[in-house]
Amino acid sequence: QVQLVESGGGLVQPGGSLRLSCAASGSISSINVMGWYRQAPGKQRELVATITSGGGTNYVDSVLGRFTISRDNAKNTVYLQMNSLKPEDTAVYYCKLITSVRTYWGQGTQVTVSS
């Protein structure tokens, strides 16, 4: 049974920073894609960033230059460093793991950017 556990969300002022973590446990293929998605109230869930097991990354345009995704393959953990946060970044952030067999989601962590 694969589980994803996210941490690091919270309340931060505009311009501030947060670092999200997502640890995957269970039987996981070494070849996979991990990523972060977010869903704001009344909006559809959207991709934020993804990273392959080989280190290839992809970002949504709105976070380019502000967010950085990284991963530790030995720990099956993915991180999202979020800098220069804006109120429009407020959302529930979800971790996603894509393997050749199936896709897994974390439970989500709330990020609120407000003064």
N, C-alpha and C. Protein backbone atom coordinates (compact mmCIF):
# COMPACT_ATOMS: atom_id res chain seq x y z
N GLN A 1 0.84 -1.19 0.00
CA GLN A 1 0.00 0.00 0.00
C GLN A 1 0.89 1.25 0.00
N VAL A 2 0.73 2.09 -1.00
CA VAL A 2 1.52 3.33 -1.10
C VAL A 2 0.77 4.44 -0.40
N GLN A 3 1.48 5.20 0.40
CA GLN A 3 0.90 6.37 1.07
C GLN A 3 1.77 7.59 0.82
N LEU A 4 1.13 8.74 0.68
CA LEU A 4 1.81 10.01 0.53
C LEU A 4 1.42 10.90 1.70
N VAL A 5 2.41 11.44 2.38
CA VAL A 5 2.15 12.30 3.54
C VAL A 5 2.80 13.66 3.29
N GLU A 6 1.96 14.68 3.23
CA GLU A 6 2.44 16.04 2.99
C GLU A 6 2.61 16.79 4.30
N SER A 7 3.49 17.78 4.28
CA SER A 7 3.68 18.65 5.43
C SER A 7 4.24 19.98 4.95
N GLY A 8 4.16 20.99 5.82
CA GLY A 8 4.79 22.26 5.52
C GLY A 8 3.86 23.40 5.17
N GLY A 9 2.58 23.13 5.05
CA GLY A 9 1.66 24.21 4.73
C GLY A 9 1.47 25.15 5.92
N GLY A 10 0.75 26.24 5.69
CA GLY A 10 0.48 27.18 6.77
C GLY A 10 0.08 28.53 6.26
N LEU A 11 0.10 29.49 7.16
CA LEU A 11 -0.25 30.87 6.85
C LEU A 11 1.03 31.70 6.72
N VAL A 12 1.13 32.46 5.64
CA VAL A 12 2.31 33.29 5.41
C VAL A 12 1.89 34.61 4.80
N GLN A 13 2.64 35.65 5.06
CA GLN A 13 2.34 36.97 4.48
C GLN A 13 2.80 37.04 3.03
N PRO A 14 2.18 37.88 2.24
CA PRO A 14 2.65 38.07 0.86
C PRO A 14 4.13 38.40 0.83
N GLY A 15 4.83 37.77 -0.10
CA GLY A 15 6.28 37.93 -0.20
C GLY A 15 7.06 36.93 0.61
N GLY A 16 6.37 36.17 1.44
CA GLY A 16 7.03 35.19 2.28
C GLY A 16 7.32 33.88 1.57
N SER A 17 7.85 32.92 2.33
CA SER A 17 8.25 31.63 1.78
C SER A 17 7.71 30.48 2.62
N LEU A 18 7.49 29.37 1.95
CA LEU A 18 7.14 28.11 2.61
C LEU A 18 7.81 26.98 1.85
N ARG A 19 8.04 25.88 2.55
CA ARG A 19 8.58 24.69 1.92
C ARG A 19 7.68 23.51 2.22
N LEU A 20 7.12 22.93 1.19
CA LEU A 20 6.27 21.75 1.33
C LEU A 20 7.10 20.49 1.13
N SER A 21 6.75 19.45 1.87
CA SER A 21 7.39 18.14 1.72
C SER A 21 6.32 17.08 1.51
N CYS A 22 6.66 16.04 0.77
CA CYS A 22 5.75 14.91 0.56
C CYS A 22 6.59 13.64 0.58
N ALA A 23 6.34 12.81 1.57
CA ALA A 23 7.07 11.56 1.70
C ALA A 23 6.20 10.40 1.25
N ALA A 24 6.72 9.60 0.35
CA ALA A 24 6.00 8.43 -0.13
C ALA A 24 6.53 7.18 0.55
N SER A 25 5.63 6.31 0.99
CA SER A 25 6.02 5.06 1.62
C SER A 25 5.32 3.91 0.93
N GLY A 26 5.90 2.71 1.06
CA GLY A 26 5.33 1.54 0.42
C GLY A 26 6.20 1.06 -0.72
N SER A 27 5.65 0.17 -1.52
CA SER A 27 6.38 -0.41 -2.65
C SER A 27 6.25 0.53 -3.84
N ILE A 28 7.34 1.22 -4.15
CA ILE A 28 7.31 2.25 -5.19
C ILE A 28 8.36 1.96 -6.24
N SER A 29 7.95 1.99 -7.49
CA SER A 29 8.91 1.83 -8.58
C SER A 29 9.92 2.96 -8.56
N SER A 30 11.16 2.65 -8.86
CA SER A 30 12.19 3.69 -8.87
C SER A 30 12.01 4.66 -10.03
N ILE A 31 11.26 4.25 -11.02
CA ILE A 31 10.99 5.12 -12.17
C ILE A 31 9.59 5.69 -12.02
N ASN A 32 9.53 6.99 -11.73
CA ASN A 32 8.21 7.59 -11.49
C ASN A 32 8.29 9.10 -11.65
N VAL A 33 7.13 9.70 -11.58
CA VAL A 33 7.03 11.16 -11.60
C VAL A 33 6.33 11.58 -10.32
N MET A 34 6.86 12.59 -9.66
CA MET A 34 6.20 13.16 -8.50
C MET A 34 5.90 14.62 -8.80
N GLY A 35 4.83 15.11 -8.19
CA GLY A 35 4.46 16.48 -8.49
C GLY A 35 3.58 17.10 -7.44
N TRP A 36 3.36 18.38 -7.62
CA TRP A 36 2.47 19.16 -6.76
C TRP A 36 1.37 19.78 -7.61
N TYR A 37 0.17 19.68 -7.10
CA TYR A 37 -1.00 20.29 -7.70
C TYR A 37 -1.66 21.15 -6.63
N ARG A 38 -2.51 22.07 -7.04
CA ARG A 38 -3.21 22.89 -6.06
C ARG A 38 -4.65 23.14 -6.51
N GLN A 39 -5.49 23.37 -5.51
CA GLN A 39 -6.89 23.66 -5.79
C GLN A 39 -7.36 24.78 -4.88
N ALA A 40 -7.72 25.89 -5.51
CA ALA A 40 -8.26 27.03 -4.77
C ALA A 40 -9.78 26.89 -4.69
N PRO A 41 -10.41 27.54 -3.72
CA PRO A 41 -11.87 27.44 -3.58
C PRO A 41 -12.58 27.85 -4.86
N GLY A 42 -13.48 27.01 -5.32
CA GLY A 42 -14.26 27.30 -6.51
C GLY A 42 -13.54 27.10 -7.82
N LYS A 43 -12.32 26.58 -7.77
CA LYS A 43 -11.54 26.39 -8.98
C LYS A 43 -11.16 24.93 -9.15
N GLN A 44 -10.77 24.58 -10.37
CA GLN A 44 -10.32 23.22 -10.65
C GLN A 44 -8.90 23.02 -10.13
N ARG A 45 -8.58 21.77 -9.83
CA ARG A 45 -7.22 21.44 -9.43
C ARG A 45 -6.29 21.66 -10.62
N GLU A 46 -5.15 22.29 -10.36
CA GLU A 46 -4.20 22.58 -11.43
C GLU A 46 -2.80 22.11 -11.07
N LEU A 47 -2.04 21.80 -12.12
CA LEU A 47 -0.65 21.41 -11.93
C LEU A 47 0.17 22.61 -11.49
N VAL A 48 1.06 22.39 -10.53
CA VAL A 48 2.01 23.42 -10.12
C VAL A 48 3.39 23.09 -10.67
N ALA A 49 3.86 21.88 -10.37
CA ALA A 49 5.19 21.47 -10.82
C ALA A 49 5.31 19.95 -10.74
N THR A 50 6.12 19.39 -11.63
CA THR A 50 6.40 17.97 -11.58
C THR A 50 7.90 17.74 -11.73
N ILE A 51 8.35 16.57 -11.27
CA ILE A 51 9.76 16.21 -11.40
C ILE A 51 9.84 14.71 -11.61
N THR A 52 10.63 14.31 -12.59
CA THR A 52 10.80 12.89 -12.87
C THR A 52 11.87 12.30 -11.95
N SER A 53 11.96 10.99 -11.93
CA SER A 53 12.99 10.35 -11.11
C SER A 53 14.38 10.67 -11.64
N GLY A 54 14.46 11.11 -12.90
CA GLY A 54 15.74 11.52 -13.46
C GLY A 54 16.06 12.98 -13.24
N GLY A 55 15.11 13.72 -12.65
CA GLY A 55 15.36 15.12 -12.31
C GLY A 55 14.77 16.14 -13.28
N GLY A 56 14.08 15.69 -14.31
CA GLY A 56 13.46 16.63 -15.23
C GLY A 56 12.28 17.32 -14.58
N THR A 57 12.17 18.65 -14.77
CA THR A 57 11.13 19.42 -14.10
C THR A 57 10.21 20.12 -15.09
N ASN A 58 9.03 20.44 -14.60
CA ASN A 58 8.03 21.17 -15.38
C ASN A 58 7.24 22.04 -14.41
N TYR A 59 6.98 23.30 -14.81
CA TYR A 59 6.27 24.23 -13.94
C TYR A 59 5.12 24.91 -14.70
N VAL A 60 4.09 25.26 -13.96
CA VAL A 60 3.07 26.13 -14.54
C VAL A 60 3.67 27.53 -14.62
N ASP A 61 3.30 28.29 -15.66
CA ASP A 61 3.93 29.59 -15.90
C ASP A 61 3.82 30.53 -14.70
N SER A 62 2.73 30.47 -13.97
CA SER A 62 2.50 31.44 -12.89
C SER A 62 3.46 31.30 -11.72
N VAL A 63 4.19 30.18 -11.63
CA VAL A 63 5.12 30.00 -10.51
C VAL A 63 6.57 30.01 -10.95
N LEU A 64 6.81 30.14 -12.25
CA LEU A 64 8.19 30.15 -12.75
C LEU A 64 9.00 31.26 -12.09
N GLY A 65 10.19 30.90 -11.63
CA GLY A 65 11.06 31.87 -10.98
C GLY A 65 10.77 32.07 -9.51
N ARG A 66 9.66 31.53 -9.03
CA ARG A 66 9.31 31.69 -7.61
C ARG A 66 9.32 30.35 -6.86
N PHE A 67 8.89 29.31 -7.52
CA PHE A 67 8.81 27.97 -6.90
C PHE A 67 9.89 27.07 -7.47
N THR A 68 10.40 26.17 -6.64
CA THR A 68 11.39 25.19 -7.08
C THR A 68 10.99 23.81 -6.55
N ILE A 69 10.87 22.86 -7.46
CA ILE A 69 10.57 21.48 -7.06
C ILE A 69 11.87 20.68 -7.05
N SER A 70 12.00 19.81 -6.07
CA SER A 70 13.18 18.95 -5.97
C SER A 70 12.75 17.63 -5.33
N ARG A 71 13.66 16.67 -5.37
CA ARG A 71 13.32 15.38 -4.77
C ARG A 71 14.56 14.68 -4.26
N ASP A 72 14.33 13.80 -3.28
CA ASP A 72 15.37 12.94 -2.74
C ASP A 72 14.92 11.52 -3.03
N ASN A 73 15.50 10.89 -4.04
CA ASN A 73 15.06 9.55 -4.45
C ASN A 73 15.30 8.51 -3.36
N ALA A 74 16.36 8.68 -2.60
CA ALA A 74 16.65 7.71 -1.54
C ALA A 74 15.57 7.73 -0.46
N LYS A 75 14.94 8.88 -0.28
CA LYS A 75 13.90 9.02 0.73
C LYS A 75 12.49 9.00 0.13
N ASN A 76 12.40 8.87 -1.20
CA ASN A 76 11.08 8.94 -1.87
C ASN A 76 10.31 10.17 -1.43
N THR A 77 11.00 11.28 -1.40
CA THR A 77 10.40 12.53 -0.93
C THR A 77 10.56 13.62 -1.98
N VAL A 78 9.49 14.39 -2.16
CA VAL A 78 9.51 15.52 -3.07
C VAL A 78 9.26 16.79 -2.27
N TYR A 79 9.90 17.87 -2.68
CA TYR A 79 9.80 19.14 -1.99
C TYR A 79 9.31 20.21 -2.96
N LEU A 80 8.68 21.23 -2.39
CA LEU A 80 8.32 22.41 -3.17
C LEU A 80 8.70 23.64 -2.36
N GLN A 81 9.75 24.31 -2.79
CA GLN A 81 10.18 25.56 -2.16
C GLN A 81 9.41 26.69 -2.84
N MET A 82 8.64 27.41 -2.04
CA MET A 82 7.81 28.48 -2.58
C MET A 82 8.28 29.81 -2.01
N ASN A 83 8.75 30.68 -2.88
CA ASN A 83 9.22 32.01 -2.50
C ASN A 83 8.33 33.07 -3.13
N SER A 84 8.46 34.29 -2.62
CA SER A 84 7.68 35.43 -3.16
C SER A 84 6.21 35.07 -3.30
N LEU A 85 5.65 34.51 -2.27
CA LEU A 85 4.28 34.04 -2.33
C LEU A 85 3.30 35.20 -2.49
N LYS A 86 2.23 34.92 -3.24
CA LYS A 86 1.20 35.90 -3.53
C LYS A 86 -0.15 35.39 -3.00
N PRO A 87 -1.08 36.29 -2.74
CA PRO A 87 -2.41 35.84 -2.29
C PRO A 87 -3.05 34.83 -3.24
N GLU A 88 -2.78 34.96 -4.53
CA GLU A 88 -3.37 34.03 -5.48
C GLU A 88 -2.75 32.64 -5.43
N ASP A 89 -1.71 32.46 -4.63
CA ASP A 89 -1.15 31.12 -4.41
C ASP A 89 -1.92 30.36 -3.33
N THR A 90 -2.85 31.03 -2.69
CA THR A 90 -3.64 30.38 -1.65
C THR A 90 -4.44 29.22 -2.23
N ALA A 91 -4.28 28.04 -1.64
CA ALA A 91 -4.94 26.84 -2.14
C ALA A 91 -4.60 25.67 -1.23
N VAL A 92 -5.27 24.56 -1.47
CA VAL A 92 -4.84 23.29 -0.90
C VAL A 92 -3.87 22.68 -1.90
N TYR A 93 -2.70 22.33 -1.42
CA TYR A 93 -1.65 21.76 -2.27
C TYR A 93 -1.62 20.25 -2.07
N TYR A 94 -1.65 19.53 -3.19
CA TYR A 94 -1.69 18.07 -3.17
C TYR A 94 -0.42 17.51 -3.82
N CYS A 95 0.10 16.48 -3.21
CA CYS A 95 1.22 15.73 -3.77
C CYS A 95 0.68 14.60 -4.64
N LYS A 96 1.36 14.32 -5.74
CA LYS A 96 0.93 13.27 -6.66
C LYS A 96 2.12 12.41 -7.04
N LEU A 97 1.91 11.11 -7.07
CA LEU A 97 2.93 10.14 -7.49
C LEU A 97 2.36 9.34 -8.66
N ILE A 98 3.09 9.36 -9.76
CA ILE A 98 2.67 8.63 -10.96
C ILE A 98 3.67 7.52 -11.24
N THR A 99 3.18 6.27 -11.22
CA THR A 99 4.03 5.15 -11.57
C THR A 99 3.48 4.48 -12.83
N SER A 100 4.13 3.45 -13.29
CA SER A 100 3.66 2.74 -14.49
C SER A 100 2.38 1.95 -14.19
N VAL A 101 2.08 1.76 -12.90
CA VAL A 101 0.93 0.95 -12.51
C VAL A 101 -0.29 1.82 -12.22
N ARG A 102 -0.09 2.89 -11.42
CA ARG A 102 -1.23 3.72 -11.06
C ARG A 102 -0.74 5.06 -10.54
N THR A 103 -1.71 5.91 -10.18
CA THR A 103 -1.44 7.23 -9.66
C THR A 103 -1.94 7.33 -8.22
N TYR A 104 -1.17 8.02 -7.39
CA TYR A 104 -1.51 8.18 -5.98
C TYR A 104 -1.57 9.67 -5.63
N TRP A 105 -2.44 10.02 -4.70
CA TRP A 105 -2.58 11.39 -4.23
C TRP A 105 -2.40 11.46 -2.72
N GLY A 106 -1.81 12.56 -2.26
CA GLY A 106 -1.76 12.83 -0.84
C GLY A 106 -3.06 13.45 -0.37
N GLN A 107 -3.14 13.73 0.92
CA GLN A 107 -4.38 14.24 1.50
C GLN A 107 -4.51 15.75 1.35
N GLY A 108 -3.44 16.41 1.02
CA GLY A 108 -3.46 17.86 0.82
C GLY A 108 -3.01 18.63 2.04
N THR A 109 -2.42 19.79 1.79
CA THR A 109 -2.00 20.68 2.87
C THR A 109 -2.37 22.11 2.47
N GLN A 110 -2.94 22.85 3.42
CA GLN A 110 -3.43 24.19 3.13
C GLN A 110 -2.29 25.21 3.15
N VAL A 111 -2.26 26.03 2.12
CA VAL A 111 -1.34 27.17 2.06
C VAL A 111 -2.20 28.43 1.93
N THR A 112 -2.03 29.33 2.88
CA THR A 112 -2.78 30.59 2.87
C THR A 112 -1.81 31.75 2.87
N VAL A 113 -1.95 32.61 1.87
CA VAL A 113 -1.08 33.79 1.75
C VAL A 113 -1.95 35.02 1.99
N SER A 114 -1.72 35.64 3.13
CA SER A 114 -2.57 36.77 3.52
C SER A 114 -1.86 37.64 4.53
N SER A 115 -2.15 38.95 4.46
CA SER A 115 -1.60 39.87 5.44
C SER A 115 -2.56 40.06 6.60
